[in-house]
């Protein structure tokens, strides 16, 4: 099993390296609002991840990565 820390670091690399800037901005705009107004303990991380995935899926549809 791959350690969670390794998965997180690989995902972070992919996220910042391969997502187009406009997709990144949409994700930041959507998530930042919730994160700013709530304490970390009150955040629903699963919901935040779902929102980000929805944005990524919608924005990228059938695009391929290099």
PDB file of N, CA and C in Angstrom:
ATOM      1  N   UNK A   1       0.845  -1.180   0.000  1.00  0.00           N
ATOM      2  CA  UNK A   1       0.000   0.000   0.000  1.00  0.00           C
ATOM      3  C   UNK A   1       0.891   1.244   0.000  1.00  0.00           C
ATOM      4  N   UNK A   2       0.521   2.214  -0.813  1.00  0.00           N
ATOM      5  CA  UNK A   2       1.294   3.457  -0.893  1.00  0.00           C
ATOM      6  C   UNK A   2       0.933   4.342   0.292  1.00  0.00           C
ATOM      7  N   UNK A   3       1.930   4.851   1.005  1.00  0.00           N
ATOM      8  CA  UNK A   3       1.642   5.727   2.141  1.00  0.00           C
ATOM      9  C   UNK A   3       0.890   6.987   1.703  1.00  0.00           C
ATOM     10  N   UNK A   4      -0.010   7.448   2.549  1.00  0.00           N
ATOM     11  CA  UNK A   4      -0.827   8.621   2.256  1.00  0.00           C
ATOM     12  C   UNK A   4       0.029   9.833   1.934  1.00  0.00           C
ATOM     13  N   UNK A   5       1.117  10.008   2.628  1.00  0.00           N
ATOM     14  CA  UNK A   5       1.992  11.161   2.389  1.00  0.00           C
ATOM     15  C   UNK A   5       2.549  11.135   0.966  1.00  0.00           C
ATOM     16  N   UNK A   6       2.903   9.960   0.488  1.00  0.00           N
ATOM     17  CA  UNK A   6       3.423   9.831  -0.875  1.00  0.00           C
ATOM     18  C   UNK A   6       2.311  10.157  -1.881  1.00  0.00           C
ATOM     19  N   UNK A   7       1.117   9.614  -1.669  1.00  0.00           N
ATOM     20  CA  UNK A   7      -0.011   9.919  -2.549  1.00  0.00           C
ATOM     21  C   UNK A   7      -0.289  11.419  -2.588  1.00  0.00           C
ATOM     22  N   UNK A   8      -0.287  12.057  -1.435  1.00  0.00           N
ATOM     23  CA  UNK A   8      -0.547  13.495  -1.357  1.00  0.00           C
ATOM     24  C   UNK A   8       0.496  14.298  -2.123  1.00  0.00           C
ATOM     25  N   UNK A   9       1.746  13.903  -2.001  1.00  0.00           N
ATOM     26  CA  UNK A   9       2.811  14.639  -2.687  1.00  0.00           C
ATOM     27  C   UNK A   9       2.740  14.462  -4.198  1.00  0.00           C
ATOM     28  N   UNK A  10       2.417  13.254  -4.654  1.00  0.00           N
ATOM     29  CA  UNK A  10       2.273  13.005  -6.088  1.00  0.00           C
ATOM     30  C   UNK A  10       1.069  13.804  -6.614  1.00  0.00           C
ATOM     31  N   UNK A  11      -0.033  13.778  -5.885  1.00  0.00           N
ATOM     32  CA  UNK A  11      -1.234  14.510  -6.299  1.00  0.00           C
ATOM     33  C   UNK A  11      -0.954  16.011  -6.352  1.00  0.00           C
ATOM     34  N   UNK A  12      -0.247  16.525  -5.377  1.00  0.00           N
ATOM     35  CA  UNK A  12       0.096  17.949  -5.344  1.00  0.00           C
ATOM     36  C   UNK A  12       0.954  18.322  -6.555  1.00  0.00           C
ATOM     37  N   UNK A  13       1.903  17.477  -6.886  1.00  0.00           N
ATOM     38  CA  UNK A  13       2.751  17.705  -8.060  1.00  0.00           C
ATOM     39  C   UNK A  13       1.889  17.761  -9.321  1.00  0.00           C
ATOM     40  N   UNK A  14       1.034  16.763  -9.505  1.00  0.00           N
ATOM     41  CA  UNK A  14       0.174  16.705 -10.680  1.00  0.00           C
ATOM     42  C   UNK A  14      -0.730  17.936 -10.735  1.00  0.00           C
ATOM     43  N   UNK A  15      -1.327  18.249  -9.623  1.00  0.00           N
ATOM     44  CA  UNK A  15      -2.266  19.365  -9.517  1.00  0.00           C
ATOM     45  C   UNK A  15      -1.624  20.665  -9.990  1.00  0.00           C
ATOM     46  N   UNK A  16      -0.440  20.933  -9.525  1.00  0.00           N
ATOM     47  CA  UNK A  16       0.221  22.202  -9.855  1.00  0.00           C
ATOM     48  C   UNK A  16       0.933  22.177 -11.208  1.00  0.00           C
ATOM     49  N   UNK A  17       1.322  21.018 -11.657  1.00  0.00           N
ATOM     50  CA  UNK A  17       2.073  20.932 -12.908  1.00  0.00           C
ATOM     51  C   UNK A  17       1.180  20.831 -14.144  1.00  0.00           C
ATOM     52  N   UNK A  18       0.109  20.080 -14.054  1.00  0.00           N
ATOM     53  CA  UNK A  18      -0.651  19.731 -15.253  1.00  0.00           C
ATOM     54  C   UNK A  18      -2.015  20.399 -15.393  1.00  0.00           C
ATOM     55  N   UNK A  19      -2.600  20.888 -14.326  1.00  0.00           N
ATOM     56  CA  UNK A  19      -3.900  21.531 -14.484  1.00  0.00           C
ATOM     57  C   UNK A  19      -3.728  22.916 -15.094  1.00  0.00           C
ATOM     58  N   UNK A  20      -4.535  23.242 -16.080  1.00  0.00           N
ATOM     59  CA  UNK A  20      -4.463  24.577 -16.658  1.00  0.00           C
ATOM     60  C   UNK A  20      -4.797  25.642 -15.619  1.00  0.00           C
ATOM     61  N   UNK A  21      -4.226  26.811 -15.794  1.00  0.00           N
ATOM     62  CA  UNK A  21      -4.427  27.897 -14.834  1.00  0.00           C
ATOM     63  C   UNK A  21      -5.896  28.222 -14.614  1.00  0.00           C
ATOM     64  N   UNK A  22      -6.696  28.204 -15.685  1.00  0.00           N
ATOM     65  CA  UNK A  22      -8.107  28.552 -15.528  1.00  0.00           C
ATOM     66  C   UNK A  22      -8.852  27.539 -14.664  1.00  0.00           C
ATOM     67  N   UNK A  23      -8.451  26.277 -14.728  1.00  0.00           N
ATOM     68  CA  UNK A  23      -9.059  25.251 -13.880  1.00  0.00           C
ATOM     69  C   UNK A  23      -8.629  25.469 -12.434  1.00  0.00           C
ATOM     70  N   UNK A  24      -7.358  25.747 -12.244  1.00  0.00           N
ATOM     71  CA  UNK A  24      -6.854  26.029 -10.892  1.00  0.00           C
ATOM     72  C   UNK A  24      -7.604  27.206 -10.267  1.00  0.00           C
ATOM     73  N   UNK A  25      -7.828  28.248 -11.051  1.00  0.00           N
ATOM     74  CA  UNK A  25      -8.518  29.436 -10.530  1.00  0.00           C
ATOM     75  C   UNK A  25      -9.958  29.112 -10.139  1.00  0.00           C
ATOM     76  N   UNK A  26     -10.632  28.308 -10.928  1.00  0.00           N
ATOM     77  CA  UNK A  26     -12.007  27.925 -10.599  1.00  0.00           C
ATOM     78  C   UNK A  26     -12.052  27.111  -9.308  1.00  0.00           C
ATOM     79  N   UNK A  27     -11.095  26.228  -9.141  1.00  0.00           N
ATOM     80  CA  UNK A  27     -11.040  25.420  -7.917  1.00  0.00           C
ATOM     81  C   UNK A  27     -10.762  26.315  -6.716  1.00  0.00           C
ATOM     82  N   UNK A  28      -9.782  27.190  -6.840  1.00  0.00           N
ATOM     83  CA  UNK A  28      -9.437  28.084  -5.736  1.00  0.00           C
ATOM     84  C   UNK A  28     -10.627  28.975  -5.384  1.00  0.00           C
ATOM     85  N   UNK A  29     -11.284  29.530  -6.397  1.00  0.00           N
ATOM     86  CA  UNK A  29     -12.441  30.385  -6.147  1.00  0.00           C
ATOM     87  C   UNK A  29     -13.534  29.639  -5.390  1.00  0.00           C
ATOM     88  N   UNK A  30     -13.786  28.400  -5.782  1.00  0.00           N
ATOM     89  CA  UNK A  30     -14.863  27.617  -5.156  1.00  0.00           C
ATOM     90  C   UNK A  30     -14.507  27.184  -3.742  1.00  0.00           C
ATOM     91  N   UNK A  31     -13.292  26.725  -3.548  1.00  0.00           N
ATOM     92  CA  UNK A  31     -12.919  26.173  -2.242  1.00  0.00           C
ATOM     93  C   UNK A  31     -12.524  27.237  -1.229  1.00  0.00           C
ATOM     94  N   UNK A  32     -11.886  28.287  -1.708  1.00  0.00           N
ATOM     95  CA  UNK A  32     -11.375  29.301  -0.795  1.00  0.00           C
ATOM     96  C   UNK A  32     -12.484  29.950   0.021  1.00  0.00           C
ATOM     97  N   UNK A  33     -13.609  30.202  -0.606  1.00  0.00           N
ATOM     98  CA  UNK A  33     -14.724  30.825   0.100  1.00  0.00           C
ATOM     99  C   UNK A  33     -15.133  29.995   1.310  1.00  0.00           C
ATOM    100  N   UNK A  34     -15.261  28.705   1.124  1.00  0.00           N
ATOM    101  CA  UNK A  34     -15.649  27.829   2.235  1.00  0.00           C
ATOM    102  C   UNK A  34     -14.559  27.749   3.290  1.00  0.00           C
ATOM    103  N   UNK A  35     -13.320  27.704   2.852  1.00  0.00           N
ATOM    104  CA  UNK A  35     -12.210  27.539   3.779  1.00  0.00           C
ATOM    105  C   UNK A  35     -11.952  28.801   4.609  1.00  0.00           C
ATOM    106  N   UNK A  36     -12.192  29.958   4.027  1.00  0.00           N
ATOM    107  CA  UNK A  36     -11.924  31.214   4.732  1.00  0.00           C
ATOM    108  C   UNK A  36     -12.925  31.429   5.863  1.00  0.00           C
ATOM    109  N   UNK A  37     -14.176  31.082   5.627  1.00  0.00           N
ATOM    110  CA  UNK A  37     -15.231  31.404   6.585  1.00  0.00           C
ATOM    111  C   UNK A  37     -15.469  30.315   7.613  1.00  0.00           C
ATOM    112  N   UNK A  38     -14.762  29.210   7.537  1.00  0.00           N
ATOM    113  CA  UNK A  38     -14.965  28.105   8.477  1.00  0.00           C
ATOM    114  C   UNK A  38     -13.646  27.718   9.125  1.00  0.00           C
ATOM    115  N   UNK A  39     -13.747  27.259  10.353  1.00  0.00           N
ATOM    116  CA  UNK A  39     -12.580  26.704  11.037  1.00  0.00           C
ATOM    117  C   UNK A  39     -12.234  25.365  10.388  1.00  0.00           C
ATOM    118  N   UNK A  40     -10.969  25.001  10.411  1.00  0.00           N
ATOM    119  CA  UNK A  40     -10.549  23.753   9.761  1.00  0.00           C
ATOM    120  C   UNK A  40     -11.313  22.553  10.317  1.00  0.00           C
ATOM    121  N   UNK A  41     -11.569  22.551  11.624  1.00  0.00           N
ATOM    122  CA  UNK A  41     -12.301  21.436  12.230  1.00  0.00           C
ATOM    123  C   UNK A  41     -13.738  21.344  11.725  1.00  0.00           C
ATOM    124  N   UNK A  42     -14.300  22.449  11.238  1.00  0.00           N
ATOM    125  CA  UNK A  42     -15.682  22.481  10.766  1.00  0.00           C
ATOM    126  C   UNK A  42     -15.813  22.160   9.273  1.00  0.00           C
ATOM    127  N   UNK A  43     -14.697  22.059   8.570  1.00  0.00           N
ATOM    128  CA  UNK A  43     -14.736  21.803   7.135  1.00  0.00           C
ATOM    129  C   UNK A  43     -15.040  20.336   6.855  1.00  0.00           C
ATOM    130  N   UNK A  44     -15.812  20.104   5.826  1.00  0.00           N
ATOM    131  CA  UNK A  44     -16.080  18.747   5.357  1.00  0.00           C
ATOM    132  C   UNK A  44     -15.112  18.486   4.204  1.00  0.00           C
ATOM    133  N   UNK A  45     -13.994  17.853   4.512  1.00  0.00           N
ATOM    134  CA  UNK A  45     -12.949  17.629   3.516  1.00  0.00           C
ATOM    135  C   UNK A  45     -13.451  16.804   2.338  1.00  0.00           C
ATOM    136  N   UNK A  46     -14.296  15.823   2.609  1.00  0.00           N
ATOM    137  CA  UNK A  46     -14.833  15.008   1.518  1.00  0.00           C
ATOM    138  C   UNK A  46     -15.638  15.870   0.550  1.00  0.00           C
ATOM    139  N   UNK A  47     -16.426  16.785   1.081  1.00  0.00           N
ATOM    140  CA  UNK A  47     -17.215  17.672   0.226  1.00  0.00           C
ATOM    141  C   UNK A  47     -16.309  18.598  -0.592  1.00  0.00           C
ATOM    142  N   UNK A  48     -15.267  19.124   0.017  1.00  0.00           N
ATOM    143  CA  UNK A  48     -14.326  19.986  -0.701  1.00  0.00           C
ATOM    144  C   UNK A  48     -13.657  19.231  -1.842  1.00  0.00           C
ATOM    145  N   UNK A  49     -13.281  17.995  -1.582  1.00  0.00           N
ATOM    146  CA  UNK A  49     -12.660  17.160  -2.622  1.00  0.00           C
ATOM    147  C   UNK A  49     -13.654  16.893  -3.745  1.00  0.00           C
ATOM    148  N   UNK A  50     -14.897  16.589  -3.403  1.00  0.00           N
ATOM    149  CA  UNK A  50     -15.926  16.352  -4.428  1.00  0.00           C
ATOM    150  C   UNK A  50     -16.110  17.590  -5.301  1.00  0.00           C
ATOM    151  N   UNK A  51     -16.169  18.769  -4.689  1.00  0.00           N
ATOM    152  CA  UNK A  51     -16.319  20.013  -5.452  1.00  0.00           C
ATOM    153  C   UNK A  51     -15.160  20.182  -6.431  1.00  0.00           C
ATOM    154  N   UNK A  52     -13.944  19.960  -5.947  1.00  0.00           N
ATOM    155  CA  UNK A  52     -12.764  20.119  -6.812  1.00  0.00           C
ATOM    156  C   UNK A  52     -12.801  19.117  -7.956  1.00  0.00           C
ATOM    157  N   UNK A  53     -13.158  17.876  -7.672  1.00  0.00           N
ATOM    158  CA  UNK A  53     -13.223  16.850  -8.713  1.00  0.00           C
ATOM    159  C   UNK A  53     -14.290  17.189  -9.747  1.00  0.00           C
ATOM    160  N   UNK A  54     -15.420  17.694  -9.288  1.00  0.00           N
ATOM    161  CA  UNK A  54     -16.478  18.100 -10.225  1.00  0.00           C
ATOM    162  C   UNK A  54     -15.978  19.187 -11.172  1.00  0.00           C
ATOM    163  N   UNK A  55     -15.272  20.158 -10.629  1.00  0.00           N
ATOM    164  CA  UNK A  55     -14.728  21.240 -11.453  1.00  0.00           C
ATOM    165  C   UNK A  55     -13.719  20.687 -12.446  1.00  0.00           C
ATOM    166  N   UNK A  56     -12.815  19.842 -11.974  1.00  0.00           N
ATOM    167  CA  UNK A  56     -11.796  19.260 -12.850  1.00  0.00           C
ATOM    168  C   UNK A  56     -12.454  18.458 -13.965  1.00  0.00           C
ATOM    169  N   UNK A  57     -13.394  17.594 -13.609  1.00  0.00           N
ATOM    170  CA  UNK A  57     -14.074  16.776 -14.624  1.00  0.00           C
ATOM    171  C   UNK A  57     -14.802  17.648 -15.637  1.00  0.00           C
ATOM    172  N   UNK A  58     -15.507  18.647 -15.142  1.00  0.00           N
ATOM    173  CA  UNK A  58     -16.270  19.528 -16.037  1.00  0.00           C
ATOM    174  C   UNK A  58     -15.358  20.321 -16.963  1.00  0.00           C
ATOM    175  N   UNK A  59     -14.268  20.822 -16.437  1.00  0.00           N
ATOM    176  CA  UNK A  59     -13.383  21.681 -17.213  1.00  0.00           C
ATOM    177  C   UNK A  59     -12.495  20.904 -18.187  1.00  0.00           C
ATOM    178  N   UNK A  60     -12.105  19.709 -17.810  1.00  0.00           N
ATOM    179  CA  UNK A  60     -11.159  18.965 -18.637  1.00  0.00           C
ATOM    180  C   UNK A  60     -11.828  18.002 -19.603  1.00  0.00           C
ATOM    181  N   UNK A  61     -13.007  17.540 -19.283  1.00  0.00           N
ATOM    182  CA  UNK A  61     -13.745  16.582 -20.098  1.00  0.00           C
ATOM    183  C   UNK A  61     -12.824  15.592 -20.779  1.00  0.00           C
ATOM    184  N   UNK A  62     -12.600  15.721 -22.082  1.00  0.00           N
ATOM    185  CA  UNK A  62     -11.810  14.728 -22.811  1.00  0.00           C
ATOM    186  C   UNK A  62     -10.392  15.183 -23.119  1.00  0.00           C
ATOM    187  N   UNK A  63      -9.916  16.193 -22.444  1.00  0.00           N
ATOM    188  CA  UNK A  63      -8.543  16.653 -22.718  1.00  0.00           C
ATOM    189  C   UNK A  63      -7.551  15.575 -22.286  1.00  0.00           C
ATOM    190  N   UNK A  64      -6.447  15.564 -22.971  1.00  0.00           N
ATOM    191  CA  UNK A  64      -5.360  14.649 -22.621  1.00  0.00           C
ATOM    192  C   UNK A  64      -4.211  15.439 -22.034  1.00  0.00           C
ATOM    193  N   UNK A  65      -3.430  14.798 -21.218  1.00  0.00           N
ATOM    194  CA  UNK A  65      -2.260  15.451 -20.624  1.00  0.00           C
ATOM    195  C   UNK A  65      -1.033  15.078 -21.408  1.00  0.00           C
ATOM    196  N   UNK A  66      -0.019  15.928 -21.316  1.00  0.00           N
ATOM    197  CA  UNK A  66       1.201  15.670 -22.087  1.00  0.00           C
ATOM    198  C   UNK A  66       1.887  14.410 -21.710  1.00  0.00           C
TER     199      UNK A  66
END
